[in-house]
PDB file of all heavy atoms in Angstrom:
ATOM      1  N   THR A   1     153.685  89.364 125.160  1.00  0.00           N
ATOM      2  CA  THR A   1     154.407  90.631 125.522  1.00  0.00           C
ATOM      3  C   THR A   1     154.843  91.365 124.237  1.00  0.00           C
ATOM      4  O   THR A   1     156.061  91.408 123.961  1.00  0.00           O
ATOM      5  CB  THR A   1     155.585  90.278 126.401  1.00  0.00           C
ATOM      6  OG1 THR A   1     155.238  89.254 127.376  1.00  0.00           O
ATOM      7  CG2 THR A   1     155.964  91.528 127.198  1.00  0.00           C
ATOM      8  N   PRO A   2     153.900  91.966 123.558  1.00  0.00           N
ATOM      9  CA  PRO A   2     154.229  92.721 122.337  1.00  0.00           C
ATOM     10  C   PRO A   2     155.112  93.959 122.707  1.00  0.00           C
ATOM     11  O   PRO A   2     155.112  94.363 123.859  1.00  0.00           O
ATOM     12  CB  PRO A   2     152.909  93.125 121.712  1.00  0.00           C
ATOM     13  CG  PRO A   2     151.920  93.180 122.910  1.00  0.00           C
ATOM     14  CD  PRO A   2     152.472  92.107 123.889  1.00  0.00           C
ATOM     15  N   ASP A   3     155.678  94.558 121.656  1.00  0.00           N
ATOM     16  CA  ASP A   3     156.467  95.790 121.878  1.00  0.00           C
ATOM     17  C   ASP A   3     155.614  97.023 122.078  1.00  0.00           C
ATOM     18  O   ASP A   3     156.059  98.053 122.583  1.00  0.00           O
ATOM     19  CB  ASP A   3     157.488  96.014 120.720  1.00  0.00           C
ATOM     20  CG  ASP A   3     158.441  94.823 120.616  1.00  0.00           C
ATOM     21  OD1 ASP A   3     159.301  94.662 121.484  1.00  0.00           O
ATOM     22  OD2 ASP A   3     158.353  94.066 119.564  1.00  0.00           O
ATOM     23  N   GLY A   4     154.454  96.945 121.591  1.00  0.00           N
ATOM     24  CA  GLY A   4     153.476  98.085 121.743  1.00  0.00           C
ATOM     25  C   GLY A   4     152.083  97.591 121.443  1.00  0.00           C
ATOM     26  O   GLY A   4     151.855  96.517 120.824  1.00  0.00           O
ATOM     27  N   ILE A   5     151.105  98.380 122.015  1.00  0.00           N
ATOM     28  CA  ILE A   5     149.692  98.025 121.854  1.00  0.00           C
ATOM     29  C   ILE A   5     148.925  99.206 121.362  1.00  0.00           C
ATOM     30  O   ILE A   5     149.116 100.441 121.817  1.00  0.00           O
ATOM     31  CB  ILE A   5     149.102  97.580 123.181  1.00  0.00           C
ATOM     32  CG1 ILE A   5     149.745  96.279 123.704  1.00  0.00           C
ATOM     33  CG2 ILE A   5     147.579  97.368 123.081  1.00  0.00           C
ATOM     34  CD1 ILE A   5     149.351  95.817 125.104  1.00  0.00           C
ATOM     35  N   ILE A   6     148.077  99.003 120.369  1.00  0.00           N
ATOM     36  CA  ILE A   6     147.092 100.043 119.910  1.00  0.00           C
ATOM     37  C   ILE A   6     145.740  99.508 120.462  1.00  0.00           C
ATOM     38  O   ILE A   6     145.308  98.437 120.144  1.00  0.00           O
ATOM     39  CB  ILE A   6     147.024 100.152 118.416  1.00  0.00           C
ATOM     40  CG1 ILE A   6     148.368 100.643 117.878  1.00  0.00           C
ATOM     41  CG2 ILE A   6     145.942 101.138 118.064  1.00  0.00           C
ATOM     42  CD1 ILE A   6     148.421 100.703 116.362  1.00  0.00           C
ATOM     43  N   LEU A   7     145.093 100.295 121.272  1.00  0.00           N
ATOM     44  CA  LEU A   7     143.938  99.896 122.073  1.00  0.00           C
ATOM     45  C   LEU A   7     142.758 100.812 121.855  1.00  0.00           C
ATOM     46  O   LEU A   7     142.800 101.977 122.076  1.00  0.00           O
ATOM     47  CB  LEU A   7     144.446  99.934 123.576  1.00  0.00           C
ATOM     48  CG  LEU A   7     143.286  99.562 124.648  1.00  0.00           C
ATOM     49  CD1 LEU A   7     142.815  98.057 124.532  1.00  0.00           C
ATOM     50  CD2 LEU A   7     143.850  99.824 125.985  1.00  0.00           C
ATOM     51  N   ASP A   8     141.610 100.192 121.543  1.00  0.00           N
ATOM     52  CA  ASP A   8     140.306 100.904 121.426  1.00  0.00           C
ATOM     53  C   ASP A   8     139.706 100.926 122.902  1.00  0.00           C
ATOM     54  O   ASP A   8     140.047 100.085 123.692  1.00  0.00           O
ATOM     55  CB  ASP A   8     139.461 100.118 120.471  1.00  0.00           C
ATOM     56  CG  ASP A   8     138.155 100.895 120.181  1.00  0.00           C
ATOM     57  OD1 ASP A   8     138.067 102.159 120.461  1.00  0.00           O
ATOM     58  OD2 ASP A   8     137.170 100.277 119.673  1.00  0.00           O
ATOM     59  N   VAL A   9     138.900 101.878 123.058  1.00  0.00           N
ATOM     60  CA  VAL A   9     138.173 102.011 124.381  1.00  0.00           C
ATOM     61  C   VAL A   9     136.871 101.208 124.424  1.00  0.00           C
ATOM     62  O   VAL A   9     136.690 100.374 125.372  1.00  0.00           O
ATOM     63  CB  VAL A   9     137.963 103.431 124.859  1.00  0.00           C
ATOM     64  CG1 VAL A   9     137.090 103.559 126.166  1.00  0.00           C
ATOM     65  CG2 VAL A   9     139.238 104.208 124.980  1.00  0.00           C
ATOM     66  N   MET A  10     136.017 101.462 123.524  1.00  0.00           N
ATOM     67  CA  MET A  10     134.699 100.793 123.494  1.00  0.00           C
ATOM     68  C   MET A  10     134.800  99.445 122.828  1.00  0.00           C
ATOM     69  O   MET A  10     134.836  99.337 121.615  1.00  0.00           O
ATOM     70  CB  MET A  10     133.739 101.719 122.822  1.00  0.00           C
ATOM     71  CG  MET A  10     133.555 103.108 123.380  1.00  0.00           C
ATOM     72  SD  MET A  10     132.927 103.091 125.007  1.00  0.00           S
ATOM     73  CE  MET A  10     131.228 102.665 124.696  1.00  0.00           C
ATOM     74  N   MET A  11     134.772  98.356 123.689  1.00  0.00           N
ATOM     75  CA  MET A  11     134.954  97.020 123.218  1.00  0.00           C
ATOM     76  C   MET A  11     134.063  96.083 124.017  1.00  0.00           C
ATOM     77  O   MET A  11     133.811  96.308 125.203  1.00  0.00           O
ATOM     78  CB  MET A  11     136.318  96.585 123.201  1.00  0.00           C
ATOM     79  CG  MET A  11     137.188  97.206 122.036  1.00  0.00           C
ATOM     80  SD  MET A  11     138.837  96.483 122.121  1.00  0.00           S
ATOM     81  CE  MET A  11     139.327  96.829 123.733  1.00  0.00           C
ATOM     82  N   PRO A  12     133.754  94.897 123.362  1.00  0.00           N
ATOM     83  CA  PRO A  12     133.042  93.944 124.138  1.00  0.00           C
ATOM     84  C   PRO A  12     133.912  93.183 125.124  1.00  0.00           C
ATOM     85  O   PRO A  12     135.112  93.245 125.067  1.00  0.00           O
ATOM     86  CB  PRO A  12     132.562  92.854 123.045  1.00  0.00           C
ATOM     87  CG  PRO A  12     133.379  93.161 121.868  1.00  0.00           C
ATOM     88  CD  PRO A  12     133.905  94.623 121.977  1.00  0.00           C
ATOM     89  N   LYS A  13     133.306  92.533 126.083  1.00  0.00           N
ATOM     90  CA  LYS A  13     133.904  91.673 127.169  1.00  0.00           C
ATOM     91  C   LYS A  13     134.702  92.529 128.185  1.00  0.00           C
ATOM     92  O   LYS A  13     134.474  92.402 129.382  1.00  0.00           O
ATOM     93  CB  LYS A  13     134.771  90.602 126.572  1.00  0.00           C
ATOM     94  CG  LYS A  13     133.955  89.597 125.825  1.00  0.00           C
ATOM     95  CD  LYS A  13     134.771  88.375 125.512  1.00  0.00           C
ATOM     96  CE  LYS A  13     133.875  87.377 124.639  1.00  0.00           C
ATOM     97  NZ  LYS A  13     134.565  86.426 124.016  1.00  0.00           N
ATOM     98  N   LEU A  14     135.590  93.378 127.782  1.00  0.00           N
ATOM     99  CA  LEU A  14     136.411  94.228 128.638  1.00  0.00           C
ATOM    100  C   LEU A  14     136.652  95.505 127.954  1.00  0.00           C
ATOM    101  O   LEU A  14     137.203  95.491 126.846  1.00  0.00           O
ATOM    102  CB  LEU A  14     137.706  93.414 128.897  1.00  0.00           C
ATOM    103  CG  LEU A  14     138.662  93.832 130.083  1.00  0.00           C
ATOM    104  CD1 LEU A  14     137.884  93.667 131.451  1.00  0.00           C
ATOM    105  CD2 LEU A  14     139.844  92.963 130.168  1.00  0.00           C
ATOM    106  N   SER A  15     136.271  96.602 128.567  1.00  0.00           N
ATOM    107  CA  SER A  15     136.516  97.840 127.813  1.00  0.00           C
ATOM    108  C   SER A  15     138.090  98.173 127.809  1.00  0.00           C
ATOM    109  O   SER A  15     138.846  97.561 128.561  1.00  0.00           O
ATOM    110  CB  SER A  15     135.920  99.017 128.590  1.00  0.00           C
ATOM    111  OG  SER A  15     136.642  99.396 129.652  1.00  0.00           O
ATOM    112  N   GLY A  16     138.490  99.052 126.818  1.00  0.00           N
ATOM    113  CA  GLY A  16     139.859  99.295 126.836  1.00  0.00           C
ATOM    114  C   GLY A  16     140.495  99.851 128.054  1.00  0.00           C
ATOM    115  O   GLY A  16     141.577  99.556 128.431  1.00  0.00           O
ATOM    116  N   LEU A  17     139.753 100.719 128.814  1.00  0.00           N
ATOM    117  CA  LEU A  17     140.199 101.236 130.025  1.00  0.00           C
ATOM    118  C   LEU A  17     140.327 100.124 131.126  1.00  0.00           C
ATOM    119  O   LEU A  17     141.327 100.121 131.925  1.00  0.00           O
ATOM    120  CB  LEU A  17     139.364 102.326 130.550  1.00  0.00           C
ATOM    121  CG  LEU A  17     139.381 103.613 129.681  1.00  0.00           C
ATOM    122  CD1 LEU A  17     138.427 104.697 130.179  1.00  0.00           C
ATOM    123  CD2 LEU A  17     140.778 104.210 129.578  1.00  0.00           C
ATOM    124  N   ASP A  18     139.329  99.221 131.216  1.00  0.00           N
ATOM    125  CA  ASP A  18     139.529  98.117 132.153  1.00  0.00           C
ATOM    126  C   ASP A  18     140.686  97.169 131.833  1.00  0.00           C
ATOM    127  O   ASP A  18     141.356  96.751 132.664  1.00  0.00           O
ATOM    128  CB  ASP A  18     138.191  97.297 132.171  1.00  0.00           C
ATOM    129  CG  ASP A  18     137.037  98.037 132.865  1.00  0.00           C
ATOM    130  OD1 ASP A  18     137.316  98.976 133.550  1.00  0.00           O
ATOM    131  OD2 ASP A  18     135.895  97.696 132.573  1.00  0.00           O
ATOM    132  N   MET A  19     140.856  97.015 130.506  1.00  0.00           N
ATOM    133  CA  MET A  19     141.951  96.161 130.017  1.00  0.00           C
ATOM    134  C   MET A  19     143.235  96.810 130.390  1.00  0.00           C
ATOM    135  O   MET A  19     144.158  96.195 130.962  1.00  0.00           O
ATOM    136  CB  MET A  19     141.832  95.942 128.517  1.00  0.00           C
ATOM    137  CG  MET A  19     142.857  95.089 127.924  1.00  0.00           C
ATOM    138  SD  MET A  19     144.267  96.043 127.359  1.00  0.00           S
ATOM    139  CE  MET A  19     145.421  94.834 126.921  1.00  0.00           C
ATOM    140  N   LEU A  20     143.394  98.121 130.210  1.00  0.00           N
ATOM    141  CA  LEU A  20     144.598  98.915 130.512  1.00  0.00           C
ATOM    142  C   LEU A  20     144.857  98.866 131.996  1.00  0.00           C
ATOM    143  O   LEU A  20     146.035  98.703 132.437  1.00  0.00           O
ATOM    144  CB  LEU A  20     144.385 100.369 130.085  1.00  0.00           C
ATOM    145  CG  LEU A  20     145.593 101.273 130.056  1.00  0.00           C
ATOM    146  CD1 LEU A  20     146.737 100.682 129.280  1.00  0.00           C
ATOM    147  CD2 LEU A  20     145.231 102.650 129.478  1.00  0.00           C
ATOM    148  N   ARG A  21     143.767  98.905 132.841  1.00  0.00           N
ATOM    149  CA  ARG A  21     143.977  98.887 134.334  1.00  0.00           C
ATOM    150  C   ARG A  21     144.541  97.493 134.680  1.00  0.00           C
ATOM    151  O   ARG A  21     145.488  97.467 135.507  1.00  0.00           O
ATOM    152  CB  ARG A  21     142.527  99.094 134.963  1.00  0.00           C
ATOM    153  CG  ARG A  21     142.627  99.122 136.446  1.00  0.00           C
ATOM    154  CD  ARG A  21     141.252  99.486 137.028  1.00  0.00           C
ATOM    155  NE  ARG A  21     140.784 100.846 136.693  1.00  0.00           N
ATOM    156  CZ  ARG A  21     139.734 101.099 135.740  1.00  0.00           C
ATOM    157  NH1 ARG A  21     139.125 100.171 135.237  1.00  0.00           N
ATOM    158  NH2 ARG A  21     139.471 102.316 135.502  1.00  0.00           N
ATOM    159  N   GLN A  22     143.993  96.407 134.099  1.00  0.00           N
ATOM    160  CA  GLN A  22     144.551  95.068 134.460  1.00  0.00           C
ATOM    161  C   GLN A  22     145.950  94.880 133.916  1.00  0.00           C
ATOM    162  O   GLN A  22     146.842  94.364 134.647  1.00  0.00           O
ATOM    163  CB  GLN A  22     143.602  94.043 133.910  1.00  0.00           C
ATOM    164  CG  GLN A  22     142.318  94.027 134.714  1.00  0.00           C
ATOM    165  CD  GLN A  22     141.409  92.801 134.259  1.00  0.00           C
ATOM    166  OE1 GLN A  22     141.882  91.763 133.928  1.00  0.00           O
ATOM    167  NE2 GLN A  22     140.144  93.033 134.185  1.00  0.00           N
ATOM    168  N   LEU A  23     146.209  95.380 132.692  1.00  0.00           N
ATOM    169  CA  LEU A  23     147.560  95.315 132.158  1.00  0.00           C
ATOM    170  C   LEU A  23     148.577  96.053 133.070  1.00  0.00           C
ATOM    171  O   LEU A  23     149.665  95.545 133.215  1.00  0.00           O
ATOM    172  CB  LEU A  23     147.523  95.896 130.731  1.00  0.00           C
ATOM    173  CG  LEU A  23     148.797  95.733 129.874  1.00  0.00           C
ATOM    174  CD1 LEU A  23     149.026  94.266 129.484  1.00  0.00           C
ATOM    175  CD2 LEU A  23     148.784  96.630 128.688  1.00  0.00           C
ATOM    176  N   SER A  24     148.227  97.198 133.517  1.00  0.00           N
ATOM    177  CA  SER A  24     149.153  98.065 134.245  1.00  0.00           C
ATOM    178  C   SER A  24     149.477  97.411 135.642  1.00  0.00           C
ATOM    179  O   SER A  24     150.454  97.804 136.242  1.00  0.00           O
ATOM    180  CB  SER A  24     148.597  99.489 134.401  1.00  0.00           C
ATOM    181  OG  SER A  24     147.461  99.486 135.273  1.00  0.00           O
ATOM    182  N   GLN A  25     148.617  96.497 136.047  1.00  0.00           N
ATOM    183  CA  GLN A  25     148.901  95.822 137.378  1.00  0.00           C
ATOM    184  C   GLN A  25     149.769  94.592 137.199  1.00  0.00           C
ATOM    185  O   GLN A  25     150.205  94.048 138.228  1.00  0.00           O
ATOM    186  CB  GLN A  25     147.541  95.440 138.031  1.00  0.00           C
ATOM    187  CG  GLN A  25     146.762  96.711 138.491  1.00  0.00           C
ATOM    188  CD  GLN A  25     145.339  96.351 138.874  1.00  0.00           C
ATOM    189  OE1 GLN A  25     144.858  95.263 138.635  1.00  0.00           O
ATOM    190  NE2 GLN A  25     144.597  97.363 139.355  1.00  0.00           N
ATOM    191  N   ASP A  26     150.088  94.251 135.983  1.00  0.00           N
ATOM    192  CA  ASP A  26     150.975  93.122 135.751  1.00  0.00           C
ATOM    193  C   ASP A  26     152.349  93.559 135.481  1.00  0.00           C
ATOM    194  O   ASP A  26     152.567  94.462 134.725  1.00  0.00           O
ATOM    195  CB  ASP A  26     150.457  92.316 134.511  1.00  0.00           C
ATOM    196  CG  ASP A  26     151.303  91.055 134.256  1.00  0.00           C
ATOM    197  OD1 ASP A  26     152.357  91.235 133.653  1.00  0.00           O
ATOM    198  OD2 ASP A  26     150.913  90.036 134.636  1.00  0.00           O
ATOM    199  N   PRO A  27     153.365  92.969 136.149  1.00  0.00           N
ATOM    200  CA  PRO A  27     154.794  93.424 136.031  1.00  0.00           C
ATOM    201  C   PRO A  27     155.218  93.539 134.603  1.00  0.00           C
ATOM    202  O   PRO A  27     155.901  94.410 134.169  1.00  0.00           O
ATOM    203  CB  PRO A  27     155.579  92.415 136.817  1.00  0.00           C
ATOM    204  CG  PRO A  27     154.674  91.787 137.831  1.00  0.00           C
ATOM    205  CD  PRO A  27     153.277  91.844 137.164  1.00  0.00           C
ATOM    206  N   LYS A  28     154.899  92.476 133.798  1.00  0.00           N
ATOM    207  CA  LYS A  28     155.278  92.421 132.327  1.00  0.00           C
ATOM    208  C   LYS A  28     154.447  93.441 131.583  1.00  0.00           C
ATOM    209  O   LYS A  28     154.897  94.186 130.726  1.00  0.00           O
ATOM    210  CB  LYS A  28     155.075  91.049 131.754  1.00  0.00           C
ATOM    211  CG  LYS A  28     156.209  90.047 131.995  1.00  0.00           C
ATOM    212  CD  LYS A  28     156.093  88.860 131.100  1.00  0.00           C
ATOM    213  CE  LYS A  28     154.680  88.252 131.045  1.00  0.00           C
ATOM    214  NZ  LYS A  28     154.553  86.912 130.402  1.00  0.00           N
TER     215      LYS A  28
END
């Protein structure tokens, strides 16, 4: 649970947007 995230979009395994989608569905 960092205080902030710097996120790239084009990445292996999980794109930045997919990662953001999953992150936003988690309460923390």
